[in-house]
Every structure is written in C-alpha cells, then in structure tokens.
Amino acid sequence: MQGRLLAFDSGIGGLSIVGALRRAAPDLAIDYLADNAVYPYGELADDTLVARLGALLEDAIAELRPDAVVIACNTASTVALEAMRARFALPFVGCVPPIKWAASLSRSRTIGLLATSATVRRPYLRDLQARFAPDCRLIAHGARGLADIAEIAFRGRPIDRDAIARELDGLFGQPGGAAIDAVGIGCTHYSVLLETLRALSPPGIAWLDPADAVARQAIAVLDGLASGGAATRTPERAWFTADPPDRERLVDRLAAFGFQGVEIVAAPADAARGVIADRHFSR
C-alpha cells in the first residue's frame, strides 16, 4: 500500500509493531524514532513526557512528513495519546494493554497483565478493566527489569532467564495468580521475550501480543485517509536521540526491519521548561 508512517518508542520495543507492519503491508514506508535519551519513558513525570513528545514530534513530523504516527509504546500512549491528537492534524494510533482480548479468551475469568510499573499504576488500566473486563479479576505486575532484558535480547546477547522467572513470579505468585489463564503484554519491549515468557510460565497460558492488532489499525487509518497516502518512497530511517549502546549489533538487527544504519538526532533538552536543543531530521 502507499503511504508513510512514523513509529516511535523510547527504545527498540516499537520495532515489534514495525515488524507486524512490514508483514502486513510490505510496500508501506516507515520511519522509526527511538527517544532513547530518556529511556524508559515510565521514569518521566507525565507532564514532562507530554511536553517532550510534543516538541520532538513537531520537528519529526515537519521533516519526515508521515501520513500518520504510531505511538508504539504503552506508557506514552496512556499518558500522551490524546494530547498528541489534539496538537497535531494527522492521525495518531496508540497501544493499549490487551485487556479486552484477554477477557474474551479467559475461561477462569482471571486475567494477567505484564507491563511497566508506569502502566500498571495508572488509572487508565482500571478504566480498561471496567469497560472491557468487568467480570474478570485483573492481576497486573509492573516488571521494570524486562524492558532492559529485551534491549539486550534484541541485540542477540545472552539474557538472564532467572531474572525473567522472578518477574513472572511477581505476576503468577500474587494471590489468585494460579488462576490466570490469559496474559496480555502491556509493553512493546516484551514482544522480544515472548517465547522465553511462554517457556518459563505455567502451562496453558495464552500470551497476547497486540502488535498485529496495532498494525492492522494503523493500516486501516491509512486506508481511510482522503489523500490515499504518499505516492513517493524515500529512504526509511531509524532515528535515535542518543548514541545507542552496542550500536554495531543494533545496526545488524535493524536491517531485518528494513533500516540501514542508525541516525542520531538531538532531542529536546528540557521541553518542560521550553528549552529546546538544536536538532534536525534529514533524509
């Protein structure tokens, strides 16, 4: 299909959605922006995150000219999606924890969510449960360490399976956790670890990764645009707001997602106070 998307996250997590988009729409042009200078987003105050994203995306949208933007991060979606939709004229697609999906599959009526601490503690999650799973018990665990492990795993480095097992115990070891039969992934980083999560969790658990659903929604949004999307295909880039660790291995892995190399773009130095660093996107 024709058109261009900008997908962004604080790290490599959003590439799970890029991968789903590549499979579903191989002709779609995609730029990727990793705001890794402040990874992980969950460590920022909500107002700081909203200000930072607004400033960073203003430049990115002006220079890269996407037809739509995918907020490929649960934390950023729960905090800033509506603010970005209000600020910019083009469509935004966000990620939300797959509570509705989990409820549709659960027979025990006890569902789990593995997410970041920032996502777990926000009222948004309880609102999702009230709307889409009111008859289910929701057990959630904020697994701060899993995103770091996912960054390592993405680069092909050995990972600490014991650390993953401890995070899983934080979910299934809670009171009532033995009844969980469906677990939603509430952080796009965790897609990298999905097979390990399955292997280390109790048998019979349905693990739900919403990457394909987000990709389908993004494609539907592009299909619905009156312009029909951009007709030209210019080079696709992966942008990072700081020099990423283990860069050589990262570049090797990015090639599988259609990106050749890493471009560094300076990010807002202190968007909350209106102090913006010089920065420039270019093709």
Foldseek 3Di string as FASTA:
>chain_A
DFFEEEEEAQACLLLLLLVLLCVVPVVYHYAYEHAVVDPPPLVDDLLQLQLQCVQFVVQVCVAVVGQEYEHSWLLCCVRHVVVVVVVDPHYYFYDHWPLLVQQVPAPLLEAEEEAAPSNVPDCVVVVCCVVRRVSHHYFYAHLNCQLVQLNCVLLVHDGDLVSVLVRLCRGLVPVVSVRHAEYTYSTSSCVSVVVSNQVNHDPRHHYDYCSNVSSVVVVVSCCPDPVNHDPDHDQHEYEYQDQDPPQVSVQVSCVVSPHHHYHHWHGQPRSSVPGGDDTHDHD
